[in-house]
Protein backbone atom coordinates (compact mmCIF):
# COMPACT_ATOMS: atom_id res chain seq x y z
CA UNK A 1 61.99 119.59 96.85
CA UNK A 2 65.47 120.66 97.94
CA UNK A 3 65.32 124.12 99.53
CA UNK A 4 69.10 124.42 99.55
CA UNK A 5 69.46 123.62 95.85
CA UNK A 6 66.68 126.10 95.17
CA UNK A 7 68.57 128.87 96.96
CA UNK A 8 71.82 127.82 95.31
CA UNK A 9 70.14 128.45 91.96
CA UNK A 10 68.73 131.78 93.14
CA UNK A 11 72.11 132.98 94.37
CA UNK A 12 73.82 131.78 91.17
CA UNK A 13 71.37 133.94 89.20
CA UNK A 14 72.21 136.91 91.44
CA UNK A 15 75.93 136.30 90.93
CA UNK A 16 75.35 136.21 87.18
CA UNK A 17 73.64 139.59 87.44
CA UNK A 18 76.62 140.97 89.39
CA UNK A 19 78.92 139.69 86.63
CA UNK A 20 76.84 141.55 84.01
CA UNK A 21 76.97 144.68 86.14
CA UNK A 22 80.77 144.44 86.35
CA UNK A 23 80.94 143.77 90.09
CA UNK A 24 82.39 140.29 89.56
CA UNK A 25 84.79 138.99 86.89
CA UNK A 26 83.27 137.12 83.95
CA UNK A 27 85.25 133.91 84.45
CA UNK A 28 83.97 132.94 87.90
CA UNK A 29 82.58 129.45 88.46
CA UNK A 30 78.97 130.03 89.51
CA UNK A 31 78.68 126.62 91.17
CA UNK A 32 81.62 126.85 93.57
CA UNK A 33 79.88 128.29 96.63
CA UNK A 34 77.95 126.40 99.31
CA UNK A 35 74.40 126.80 100.58
CA UNK A 36 73.70 125.01 103.85
CA UNK A 37 71.93 125.25 107.21
CA UNK A 38 73.66 127.58 109.68
CA UNK A 39 75.38 125.82 112.56
CA UNK A 40 73.22 127.82 114.94
CA UNK A 41 69.54 127.79 113.90
CA UNK A 42 69.03 131.15 115.65
CA UNK A 43 71.08 132.72 112.85
CA UNK A 44 68.48 131.76 110.25
CA UNK A 45 67.43 128.95 107.96
CA UNK A 46 70.02 129.14 105.19
CA UNK A 47 73.64 130.26 105.06
CA UNK A 48 75.98 130.82 102.14
CA UNK A 49 79.71 131.54 101.80
CA UNK A 50 79.36 132.93 98.25
CA UNK A 51 80.82 136.34 99.12
CA UNK A 52 83.98 134.85 100.61
CA UNK A 53 84.46 132.37 97.76
CA UNK A 54 84.65 135.08 95.09
CA UNK A 55 86.23 138.00 97.02
CA UNK A 56 89.83 137.27 96.07
CA UNK A 57 89.00 136.75 92.40
CA UNK A 58 87.01 140.00 92.43
CA UNK A 59 89.80 141.86 94.28
CA UNK A 60 87.44 143.26 96.89
CA UNK A 61 86.30 142.66 100.45
CA UNK A 62 83.88 139.76 101.06
CA UNK A 63 81.43 142.04 102.87
CA UNK A 64 81.20 144.32 99.82
CA UNK A 65 80.07 141.34 97.71
CA UNK A 66 77.84 140.14 100.53
CA UNK A 67 76.08 143.52 100.63
CA UNK A 68 75.31 143.31 96.92
CA UNK A 69 74.05 139.72 97.16
CA UNK A 70 71.94 140.60 100.21
CA UNK A 71 70.42 143.57 98.38
CA UNK A 72 69.15 141.25 95.63
CA UNK A 73 68.04 138.52 98.03
CA UNK A 74 65.86 140.93 100.00
CA UNK A 75 63.75 141.45 96.90
CA UNK A 76 62.98 137.72 96.62
CA UNK A 77 59.58 136.39 97.66
CA UNK A 78 59.45 134.50 100.93
CA UNK A 79 62.64 135.94 102.42
CA UNK A 80 62.04 137.48 105.83
CA UNK A 81 65.53 138.78 106.51
CA UNK A 82 69.11 138.70 105.24
CA UNK A 83 72.01 139.28 107.64
CA UNK A 84 75.76 139.39 107.05
CA UNK A 85 77.90 137.80 109.74
CA UNK A 86 81.62 137.64 110.44
CA UNK A 87 83.86 137.97 107.40
CA UNK A 88 80.96 137.71 104.95
CA UNK A 89 78.63 134.80 105.67
CA UNK A 90 75.10 135.54 104.51
CA UNK A 91 72.35 134.20 106.77
CA UNK A 92 68.80 134.06 105.44
CA UNK A 93 65.51 133.61 107.26
CA UNK A 94 62.71 132.27 105.09
CA UNK A 95 58.93 132.29 105.39
CA UNK A 96 57.25 129.31 107.07
CA UNK A 97 55.49 128.33 103.84
CA UNK A 98 58.78 126.92 102.48
CA UNK A 99 58.68 124.23 105.17
CA UNK A 100 54.96 123.76 104.81
CA UNK A 101 55.52 123.05 101.11
CA UNK A 102 58.13 120.46 102.07
CA UNK A 103 55.55 118.61 104.15
CA UNK A 104 53.05 118.72 101.30
CA UNK A 105 55.67 117.40 98.90
CA UNK A 106 56.51 114.51 101.25
CA UNK A 107 52.83 113.60 101.58
CA UNK A 108 52.49 113.60 97.80
CA UNK A 109 55.76 111.68 97.27
CA UNK A 110 56.49 109.68 100.44
CA UNK A 111 58.85 107.28 98.66
CA UNK A 112 60.50 109.81 96.35
CA UNK A 113 61.27 112.70 98.69
CA UNK A 114 65.03 113.19 98.80
CA UNK A 115 65.77 110.99 95.79
CA UNK A 116 67.85 112.22 92.88
CA UNK A 117 66.86 112.35 89.24
CA UNK A 118 67.71 109.19 87.27
CA UNK A 119 70.87 109.72 85.27
CA UNK A 120 73.07 107.78 82.87
CA UNK A 121 75.98 107.45 85.32
CA UNK A 122 76.97 103.76 85.55
CA UNK A 123 78.82 102.74 88.70
CA UNK A 124 80.46 99.39 89.32
CA UNK A 125 80.45 98.87 93.09
CA UNK A 126 82.39 95.83 94.29
CA UNK A 127 82.07 94.82 97.93
CA UNK A 128 82.58 91.87 100.29
CA UNK A 129 84.61 89.68 97.84
CA UNK A 130 85.60 87.46 100.78
CA UNK A 131 87.80 84.50 99.89
CA UNK A 132 85.53 81.46 99.45
CA UNK A 133 87.39 79.52 102.13
CA UNK A 134 84.85 79.56 104.96
CA UNK A 135 81.98 81.40 106.61
CA UNK A 136 81.98 85.18 106.77
CA UNK A 137 83.29 86.87 109.90
CA UNK A 138 82.22 90.16 111.45
CA UNK A 139 84.86 92.13 109.52
CA UNK A 140 83.42 90.82 106.25
CA UNK A 141 80.01 91.86 107.57
CA UNK A 142 81.07 95.48 107.94
CA UNK A 143 82.26 95.67 104.34
CA UNK A 144 79.10 93.89 103.20
CA UNK A 145 76.78 96.28 105.03
CA UNK A 146 78.74 99.37 104.00
CA UNK A 147 78.82 98.30 100.34
CA UNK A 148 75.14 97.35 100.26
CA UNK A 149 74.07 100.59 101.98
CA UNK A 150 76.26 102.62 99.62
CA UNK A 151 74.64 100.86 96.65
CA UNK A 152 71.18 101.69 98.03
CA UNK A 153 72.23 105.29 98.66
CA UNK A 154 73.70 105.82 95.17
CA UNK A 155 70.67 104.18 93.59
CA UNK A 156 68.32 106.43 95.60
CA UNK A 157 70.37 109.42 94.46
CA UNK A 158 69.76 108.46 90.82
CA UNK A 159 72.81 106.46 89.72
CA UNK A 160 72.77 103.13 87.84
CA UNK A 161 74.66 100.83 90.22
CA UNK A 162 75.97 97.32 89.51
CA UNK A 163 76.60 95.41 92.76
CA UNK A 164 79.53 93.07 92.20
CA UNK A 165 81.23 90.28 94.17
CA UNK A 166 84.67 89.11 93.04
CA UNK A 167 85.18 85.41 93.81
CA UNK A 168 88.87 84.77 94.56
CA UNK A 169 88.78 81.17 93.29
CA UNK A 170 92.11 80.95 91.47
CA UNK A 171 94.75 81.43 94.17
CA UNK A 172 96.72 79.04 96.34
CA UNK A 173 94.22 79.47 99.18
CA UNK A 174 91.57 77.45 97.30
CA UNK A 175 94.02 74.55 96.93
CA UNK A 176 94.51 74.70 100.71
CA UNK A 177 90.72 74.68 101.03
CA UNK A 178 90.46 71.58 98.81
CA UNK A 179 93.09 69.76 100.90
CA UNK A 180 91.22 70.72 104.09
CA UNK A 181 87.96 69.37 102.66
CA UNK A 182 89.72 66.17 101.58
CA UNK A 183 90.88 65.66 105.15
CA UNK A 184 87.27 65.99 106.35
CA UNK A 185 86.26 63.55 103.60
CA UNK A 186 88.64 60.96 105.05
CA UNK A 187 87.23 61.70 108.50
CA UNK A 188 83.68 61.14 107.20
CA UNK A 189 84.80 57.69 106.01
CA UNK A 190 85.78 56.81 109.59
CA UNK A 191 89.49 57.61 109.46
CA UNK A 192 91.03 59.18 112.59
CA UNK A 193 92.60 62.36 111.20
CA UNK A 194 93.83 63.63 114.59
CA UNK A 195 94.62 67.34 114.93
CA UNK A 196 94.20 69.47 111.81
CA UNK A 197 97.72 70.11 110.44
CA UNK A 198 98.98 73.67 110.53
CA UNK A 199 98.32 75.47 107.27
CA UNK A 200 94.93 73.84 106.67
CA UNK A 201 91.55 75.30 107.62
CA UNK A 202 90.50 73.86 111.01
CA UNK A 203 86.90 75.06 111.24
CA UNK A 204 84.05 72.60 111.76
CA UNK A 205 82.16 74.15 108.82
CA UNK A 206 84.04 71.75 106.51
CA UNK A 207 82.68 68.63 108.25
CA UNK A 208 79.40 68.70 106.24
CA UNK A 209 81.44 69.16 103.05
CA UNK A 210 83.49 66.10 103.92
CA UNK A 211 80.29 64.13 104.52
CA UNK A 212 78.92 65.30 101.17
CA UNK A 213 82.11 64.14 99.42
CA UNK A 214 81.91 60.78 101.17
CA UNK A 215 78.31 60.34 100.05
CA UNK A 216 79.19 61.24 96.46
CA UNK A 217 82.49 59.39 96.00
CA UNK A 218 82.43 56.70 98.67
CA UNK A 219 85.99 55.52 99.32
CA UNK A 220 87.08 55.88 95.67
CA UNK A 221 89.27 58.95 96.37
CA UNK A 222 90.66 57.81 99.71
CA UNK A 223 94.02 56.50 98.58
CA UNK A 224 94.46 58.40 95.33
CA UNK A 225 97.27 60.95 94.85
CA UNK A 226 96.33 64.62 95.17
CA UNK A 227 96.69 65.34 91.47
CA UNK A 228 93.76 62.98 90.72
CA UNK A 229 91.23 64.55 93.09
CA UNK A 230 92.18 68.14 93.81
CA UNK A 231 90.55 69.73 90.72
CA UNK A 232 87.15 68.13 91.31
CA UNK A 233 87.14 68.73 95.04
CA UNK A 234 88.26 72.33 94.57
CA UNK A 235 85.20 73.08 92.40
CA UNK A 236 82.82 71.29 94.76
CA UNK A 237 84.11 72.95 97.92
CA UNK A 238 84.22 76.43 96.35
CA UNK A 239 80.59 76.03 95.33
CA UNK A 240 79.72 74.87 98.85
CA UNK A 241 81.52 77.82 100.41
CA UNK A 242 79.87 80.29 98.05
CA UNK A 243 76.46 78.80 98.92
CA UNK A 244 77.31 79.40 102.58
CA UNK A 245 78.47 82.97 101.89
CA UNK A 246 75.36 83.74 99.82
CA UNK A 247 73.20 82.48 102.68
CA UNK A 248 75.12 84.66 105.16
CA UNK A 249 74.65 87.67 102.87
CA UNK A 250 70.96 86.88 102.51
CA UNK A 251 70.55 86.81 106.29
CA UNK A 252 72.13 90.28 106.36
CA UNK A 253 69.87 91.55 103.53
CA UNK A 254 72.94 92.16 101.34
CA UNK A 255 72.44 91.79 97.60
CA UNK A 256 74.70 91.44 94.56
CA UNK A 257 73.76 91.47 90.90
CA UNK A 258 77.04 90.02 89.58
CA UNK A 259 79.33 87.29 90.94
CA UNK A 260 82.58 87.45 88.95
CA UNK A 261 84.97 84.48 89.08
CA UNK A 262 88.71 85.13 89.15
CA UNK A 263 89.23 81.73 87.53
CA UNK A 264 87.24 82.94 84.49
CA UNK A 265 90.12 85.33 83.77
CA UNK A 266 92.36 82.36 83.02
CA UNK A 267 89.99 79.65 81.81
CA UNK A 268 89.02 78.82 79.13
CA UNK A 269 90.80 81.88 77.69
CA UNK A 270 93.89 83.36 79.37
CA UNK A 271 92.63 86.94 79.66
CA UNK A 272 95.43 87.86 82.07
CA UNK A 273 98.14 86.74 79.63
CA UNK A 274 96.46 88.57 76.75
CA UNK A 275 96.34 91.77 78.80
CA UNK A 276 100.02 91.46 79.75
CA UNK A 277 100.91 91.08 76.07
CA UNK A 278 98.83 94.11 75.18
CA UNK A 279 100.44 96.24 77.91
CA UNK A 280 103.91 95.09 76.80
CA UNK A 281 103.15 96.29 73.27
CA UNK A 282 102.07 99.64 74.71
CA UNK A 283 105.30 99.94 76.70
CA UNK A 284 103.53 99.83 80.06
CA UNK A 285 105.22 96.52 80.98
CA UNK A 286 109.00 96.12 80.76
CA UNK A 287 111.73 93.73 81.89
CA UNK A 288 113.62 94.85 84.99
CA UNK A 289 114.71 94.20 88.56
CA UNK A 290 113.20 95.57 91.73
CA UNK A 291 115.12 96.68 94.83
CA UNK A 292 114.19 94.91 98.07
CA UNK A 293 111.08 96.46 99.63
CA UNK A 294 111.53 98.58 102.73
CA UNK A 295 109.91 97.32 105.91
CA UNK A 296 107.57 94.36 105.50
CA UNK A 297 108.51 92.11 102.56
CA UNK A 298 106.02 92.13 99.68
CA UNK A 299 105.01 88.52 98.94
CA UNK A 300 105.33 89.19 95.19
CA UNK A 301 108.93 90.46 95.43
CA UNK A 302 111.70 88.33 93.94
CA UNK A 303 115.31 89.31 93.27
CA UNK A 304 115.41 88.57 89.55
CA UNK A 305 114.77 90.16 86.18
CA UNK A 306 111.04 89.93 85.49
CA UNK A 307 108.01 91.51 83.83
CA UNK A 308 107.22 94.75 85.69
CA UNK A 309 104.18 96.95 85.41
CA UNK A 310 105.28 100.61 85.21
CA UNK A 311 102.85 101.75 87.88
CA UNK A 312 105.08 104.64 89.02
CA UNK A 313 104.09 106.44 85.80
CA UNK A 314 100.54 106.51 87.16
CA UNK A 315 101.17 107.58 90.74
CA UNK A 316 102.34 104.39 92.51
CA UNK A 317 105.45 104.25 94.72
CA UNK A 318 107.24 101.39 92.90
CA UNK A 319 106.75 99.32 89.77
CA UNK A 320 105.04 95.98 90.32
CA UNK A 321 105.79 92.38 89.25
CA UNK A 322 103.16 90.43 87.30
CA UNK A 323 104.57 86.91 86.78
CA UNK A 324 106.20 84.71 89.43
CA UNK A 325 109.30 82.64 88.80
CA UNK A 326 107.13 79.51 88.48
CA UNK A 327 105.18 81.13 85.64
CA UNK A 328 102.01 81.78 87.64
CA UNK A 329 100.51 85.25 87.81
CA UNK A 330 100.76 87.51 90.85
CA UNK A 331 97.55 88.61 92.53
CA UNK A 332 98.16 92.04 91.07
CA UNK A 333 98.20 90.70 87.50
CA UNK A 334 94.79 89.08 87.97
CA UNK A 335 93.45 92.21 89.64
CA UNK A 336 94.56 94.35 86.69
CA UNK A 337 92.75 92.02 84.29
CA UNK A 338 89.66 92.04 86.49
CA UNK A 339 89.47 95.83 86.64
CA UNK A 340 90.17 96.01 82.91
CA UNK A 341 87.10 93.81 82.44
CA UNK A 342 85.01 96.34 84.38
CA UNK A 343 86.17 99.11 82.04
CA UNK A 344 85.51 96.91 79.01
CA UNK A 345 81.98 96.32 80.31
CA UNK A 346 81.34 100.06 80.09
CA UNK A 347 82.13 101.33 83.59
CA UNK A 348 84.25 104.43 84.08
CA UNK A 349 83.45 104.95 87.76
CA UNK A 350 84.65 102.03 89.85
CA UNK A 351 84.20 101.79 93.62
CA UNK A 352 85.87 98.98 95.57
CA UNK A 353 85.16 98.29 99.25
CA UNK A 354 88.14 96.62 100.94
CA UNK A 355 89.26 95.74 104.43
CA UNK A 356 91.72 98.14 106.05
CA UNK A 357 94.48 95.52 105.81
CA UNK A 358 94.51 96.13 102.03
CA UNK A 359 95.32 99.83 102.40
CA UNK A 360 98.81 99.36 100.97
CA UNK A 361 97.28 97.96 97.78
CA UNK A 362 95.29 101.08 96.88
CA UNK A 363 97.90 103.09 94.96
CA UNK A 364 98.89 100.25 92.66
CA UNK A 365 95.27 99.50 91.75
CA UNK A 366 94.51 103.17 91.13
CA UNK A 367 97.56 103.22 88.85
CA UNK A 368 96.42 100.05 87.07
CA UNK A 369 92.96 101.44 86.35
CA UNK A 370 94.45 104.64 84.94
CA UNK A 371 96.75 102.61 82.71
CA UNK A 372 94.28 100.08 81.30
CA UNK A 373 91.57 102.71 80.71
CA UNK A 374 93.84 105.35 79.24
CA UNK A 375 92.78 107.65 82.08
CA UNK A 376 89.08 107.32 81.25
CA UNK A 377 88.14 105.35 84.38
CA UNK A 378 88.62 106.25 88.02
CA UNK A 379 88.92 103.80 90.90
CA UNK A 380 87.72 104.93 94.32
CA UNK A 381 88.67 102.53 97.12
CA UNK A 382 86.74 102.66 100.40
CA UNK A 383 88.48 100.98 103.32
CA UNK A 384 86.53 99.45 106.21
CA UNK A 385 88.34 99.35 109.51
CA UNK A 386 88.30 96.51 112.01
CA UNK A 387 85.33 95.50 114.13
CA UNK A 388 86.06 94.78 117.78
CA UNK A 389 83.38 92.40 118.97
CA UNK A 390 82.48 92.94 122.63
CA UNK A 391 79.93 91.79 125.18
CA UNK A 392 79.39 94.16 128.12
CA UNK A 393 82.75 95.73 127.41
CA UNK A 394 84.68 92.44 127.25
CA UNK A 395 86.14 90.95 124.03
CA UNK A 396 84.17 88.04 122.59
CA UNK A 397 86.11 84.80 122.19
CA UNK A 398 86.56 83.03 118.87
CA UNK A 399 84.03 80.61 117.46
CA UNK A 400 84.57 76.86 117.46
CA UNK A 401 82.67 76.55 114.19
CA UNK A 402 85.04 78.79 112.25
CA UNK A 403 88.22 77.80 114.03
CA UNK A 404 89.67 81.26 114.66
CA UNK A 405 86.96 83.94 114.54
CA UNK A 406 83.34 84.68 115.38
CA UNK A 407 81.13 84.06 112.38
CA UNK A 408 78.84 86.73 111.03
CA UNK A 409 75.89 84.31 111.20
CA UNK A 410 76.39 83.85 114.95
CA UNK A 411 76.20 87.61 115.49
CA UNK A 412 73.08 87.97 113.31
CA UNK A 413 71.41 85.10 115.15
CA UNK A 414 72.12 86.76 118.50
CA UNK A 415 71.16 90.41 117.89
CA UNK A 416 69.29 90.44 114.56
CA UNK A 417 69.97 91.86 111.12
CA UNK A 418 68.70 95.38 111.90
CA UNK A 419 71.04 95.86 114.85
CA UNK A 420 74.03 94.58 112.88
CA UNK A 421 73.35 96.80 109.88
CA UNK A 422 72.53 100.00 111.74
CA UNK A 423 75.47 99.78 114.13
CA UNK A 424 77.87 98.92 111.30
CA UNK A 425 76.74 102.17 109.67
CA UNK A 426 76.64 104.35 112.77
CA UNK A 427 80.35 104.99 112.46
CA UNK A 428 82.39 106.14 109.48
CA UNK A 429 83.73 103.18 107.51
CA UNK A 430 87.40 104.09 108.01
CA UNK A 431 87.09 104.31 111.82
CA UNK A 432 87.48 101.27 114.09
CA UNK A 433 84.13 100.01 115.37
CA UNK A 434 83.46 98.52 118.79
CA UNK A 435 80.36 96.35 118.44
CA UNK A 436 78.93 95.41 121.83
CA UNK A 437 76.44 92.56 121.57
CA UNK A 438 74.76 93.55 124.84
CA UNK A 439 74.43 97.26 124.06
CA UNK A 440 72.82 96.85 120.63
CA UNK A 441 69.74 95.13 122.05
CA UNK A 442 69.15 97.64 124.86
CA UNK A 443 65.89 99.58 124.69
CA UNK A 444 67.35 103.00 125.42
CA UNK A 445 68.46 106.26 123.83
CA UNK A 446 72.02 104.92 124.00
CA UNK A 447 71.10 102.24 121.45
CA UNK A 448 70.75 104.16 118.17
CA UNK A 449 68.94 101.47 116.19
CA UNK A 450 66.27 101.08 118.87
CA UNK A 451 65.95 104.86 119.23
CA UNK A 452 65.35 105.42 115.51
CA UNK A 453 63.04 102.44 115.01
CA UNK A 454 61.10 103.43 118.13
CA UNK A 455 60.51 106.88 116.63
CA UNK A 456 58.95 105.27 113.55
CA UNK A 457 56.82 102.98 115.72
CA UNK A 458 55.69 105.96 117.80
CA UNK A 459 54.62 107.79 114.65
CA UNK A 460 52.35 104.86 113.85
CA UNK A 461 50.98 104.86 117.39
CA UNK A 462 49.99 108.52 116.92
CA UNK A 463 47.82 107.50 113.99
CA UNK A 464 46.27 104.69 116.02
CA UNK A 465 45.44 107.24 118.73
CA UNK A 466 43.96 109.58 116.12
CA UNK A 467 41.82 106.79 114.65
CA UNK A 468 40.47 106.03 118.13
CA UNK A 469 39.75 109.70 118.86
CA UNK A 470 38.22 110.43 115.44
CA UNK A 471 36.83 107.08 114.19
CA UNK A 472 35.11 108.61 111.14
CA UNK A 473 38.05 110.78 110.05
CA UNK A 474 40.17 110.33 106.94
CA UNK A 475 43.86 110.51 107.78
CA UNK A 476 45.18 109.62 104.33
CA UNK A 477 48.15 111.55 102.93
CA UNK A 478 45.90 113.20 100.35
CA UNK A 479 43.61 114.59 103.07
CA UNK A 480 46.45 115.56 105.43
CA UNK A 481 48.07 117.53 102.60
CA UNK A 482 45.09 119.92 102.70
CA UNK A 483 45.57 120.70 106.41
CA UNK A 484 46.28 124.24 107.62
CA UNK A 485 50.00 123.79 108.23
CA UNK A 486 50.40 127.36 109.48
CA UNK A 487 49.01 126.04 112.78
CA UNK A 488 52.30 124.19 113.32
CA UNK A 489 54.02 127.17 114.89
CA UNK A 490 55.72 125.94 118.06
CA UNK A 491 59.49 126.33 117.77
CA UNK A 492 60.13 122.65 118.57
CA UNK A 493 57.73 121.63 115.81
CA UNK A 494 59.43 124.05 113.43
CA UNK A 495 62.75 122.46 114.36
CA UNK A 496 61.47 119.08 113.17
CA UNK A 497 60.24 120.70 109.95
CA UNK A 498 63.66 122.23 109.35
CA UNK A 499 65.30 118.84 109.84
CA UNK A 500 62.89 117.22 107.37
CA UNK A 501 63.73 119.91 104.82
CA UNK A 502 67.43 118.99 105.15
CA UNK A 503 66.84 115.37 104.08
CA UNK A 504 67.34 115.85 100.29
CA UNK A 505 70.52 117.85 100.87
CA UNK A 506 71.84 115.24 103.30
CA UNK A 507 71.14 112.39 100.85
CA UNK A 508 72.88 114.25 98.02
CA UNK A 509 75.93 115.01 100.19
CA UNK A 510 76.10 111.44 101.52
CA UNK A 511 75.94 110.01 98.00
CA UNK A 512 78.54 112.45 96.65
CA UNK A 513 80.99 111.60 99.45
CA UNK A 514 80.04 107.87 99.52
CA UNK A 515 79.29 108.12 103.24
CA UNK A 516 76.12 106.24 104.22
CA UNK A 517 76.90 106.86 107.90
CA UNK A 518 75.58 110.39 107.34
CA UNK A 519 72.13 108.88 106.83
CA UNK A 520 72.38 107.01 110.15
CA UNK A 521 73.49 110.18 111.98
CA UNK A 522 70.67 112.20 110.41
CA UNK A 523 68.05 109.62 111.39
CA UNK A 524 69.27 109.65 114.98
CA UNK A 525 69.00 113.45 115.10
CA UNK A 526 65.54 113.36 113.54
CA UNK A 527 64.39 110.66 115.98
CA UNK A 528 65.79 112.64 118.88
CA UNK A 529 63.84 115.75 117.83
CA UNK A 530 60.65 113.74 117.54
CA UNK A 531 61.08 112.00 120.90
CA UNK A 532 61.63 115.43 122.51
CA UNK A 533 58.45 116.68 120.87
CA UNK A 534 56.59 113.59 122.11
CA UNK A 535 57.78 114.17 125.67
CA UNK A 536 56.81 117.84 125.53
CA UNK A 537 53.34 116.81 124.40
CA UNK A 538 52.99 114.63 127.50
CA UNK A 539 53.78 117.62 129.71
CA UNK A 540 51.89 120.28 127.76
CA UNK A 541 48.37 119.46 126.62
CA UNK A 542 48.42 122.09 123.86
CA UNK A 543 51.39 120.33 122.18
CA UNK A 544 49.81 116.89 121.90
CA UNK A 545 49.60 115.46 118.40
CA UNK A 546 46.00 114.35 118.87
CA UNK A 547 43.68 116.92 120.40
CA UNK A 548 40.13 115.61 120.58
CA UNK A 549 38.81 119.16 121.03
CA UNK A 550 40.62 120.57 118.00
CA UNK A 551 40.39 118.42 114.89
CA UNK A 552 41.88 121.12 112.62
CA UNK A 553 45.05 121.35 114.70
CA UNK A 554 45.18 117.54 114.92
CA UNK A 555 45.16 117.30 111.12
CA UNK A 556 48.05 119.76 110.87
CA UNK A 557 50.16 117.90 113.41
CA UNK A 558 49.37 114.55 111.85
CA UNK A 559 50.68 115.95 108.57
CA UNK A 560 53.96 116.62 110.37
CA UNK A 561 54.00 113.13 111.90
CA UNK A 562 53.18 111.50 108.54
CA UNK A 563 56.06 113.36 106.88
CA UNK A 564 58.45 112.44 109.65
CA UNK A 565 57.38 108.79 109.52
CA UNK A 566 57.95 108.76 105.74
CA UNK A 567 61.44 110.21 106.01
CA UNK A 568 62.40 107.81 108.81
CA UNK A 569 61.21 104.89 106.66
CA UNK A 570 63.06 106.25 103.62
CA UNK A 571 66.33 106.66 105.50
CA UNK A 572 66.04 103.26 107.16
CA UNK A 573 65.40 101.79 103.71
CA UNK A 574 68.67 103.28 102.45
CA UNK A 575 70.45 101.63 105.38
CA UNK A 576 68.64 98.35 104.74
CA UNK A 577 67.02 98.43 108.18
CA UNK A 578 63.33 97.71 108.80
CA UNK A 579 60.86 100.40 109.88
CA UNK A 580 58.61 98.60 112.42
CA UNK A 581 54.95 99.54 112.82
CA UNK A 582 55.14 98.91 116.56
CA UNK A 583 57.68 97.85 119.17
CA UNK A 584 57.11 96.12 122.48
């Protein structure tokens, strides 16, 4: 029930007619124009730029095309007026029954309104992928929430989404983690370890791991050389860290369907080496030397002849090394093999959610995906900017538990999952976010999560009021759908109906652009319209939702409230935020 898609189809048919009549060239793309709400609702309900899109190709003025489109539109049922504005925008006013039908559709399909048709598109969406070296921090939380909300959004829009976490368990950092855990193991045995040496992880979260190792091994590892214990401890501590990360994600209502181990790319079969050999045979890897990098030194750069990936052929700035002088693979080599595995598993649309500090890595990975897929797969990287954690406008100090940052769990425990998720999504992912722990629990219009959830709770309170006023009445969706919706004729009520009608279009646009923050913005606008309507009802008796002297009008307005409640719940569901029945 997407009014805007409906009118896009209608206008496309009209354009096809104009092509047949010779007013437009035969090779125009009939999908290229936009149909959207006008910026100013006084201009109408629907606006299109079709005339301006095709004017140049048709070698005529936009208003001449607009006149012809308008002439056809005026013959359509349900169109009250068609006006041409400015250089050729077409503004359309439609009959109220279009919006009334939207309400009836919502009442018949409260969970499906706004969703897209199921399609065969398979998307691999990788997000979080925090190194398994400690608890998650707030920055990880933003990527986790964004990725999870994007997965929910794409799924709601009809795509088949795999939610993936890439476990970085093969790099040098996990050896550092194992050494840090071994130090805590010695501490658990009663040894005075003093200050944690620089280069090891100092957080107190490793103390329980050390105690677990002491309980399992006793003192048998205490005086052994590193080579005899590091492999076993590395596996144990990685598993412990991943259990901690999974628990953090669970507390944030973030889900994954696949956890992919980097180590599996090298053991038991060296998939990375096999891929390098294959790319060498294809001429995509060659022997060469790289000039020194400009600015900050790339950690993979070495001044020697080495195996280089020809990423400049695929849009990167420089070619990239794959094997270090000690024979180990660069991070890039493993990442190529990992993304090749996604393509080999049948995915051609890959979305990665990374922290903003990885922005310089985007071009090389886009190049790698083009190379290993023969151009059949596309990588779309979404960067999440930093989170500045505040309390009443002042920066929050680091956590003792983690050693150098505030853990995500501490923030969830303080303000709750809903506040964390909504506020993480109430700003575009590539913009820096200031997260104020005091502001997100305020009960005011300035706290978006409270404002939206309060609107949903108020909708439920309307039905409780109605049940008290009409104890024998049936306020089910099926009954409300039969109400005389033409009685909803106040302009403020119509404004809410127009916003509800925009929901499917908003969902489609948010999914297409991979921008779940659009859902959060929409919900805030919808909640604001409803709260305004609520306040008007308090001041004007004839605008109250429940009118004990007019049951017919009450039914009509309850149909509006039911539809609004359903859309609020749907949008909050996409964001992974609860829709409370009541709030105190």
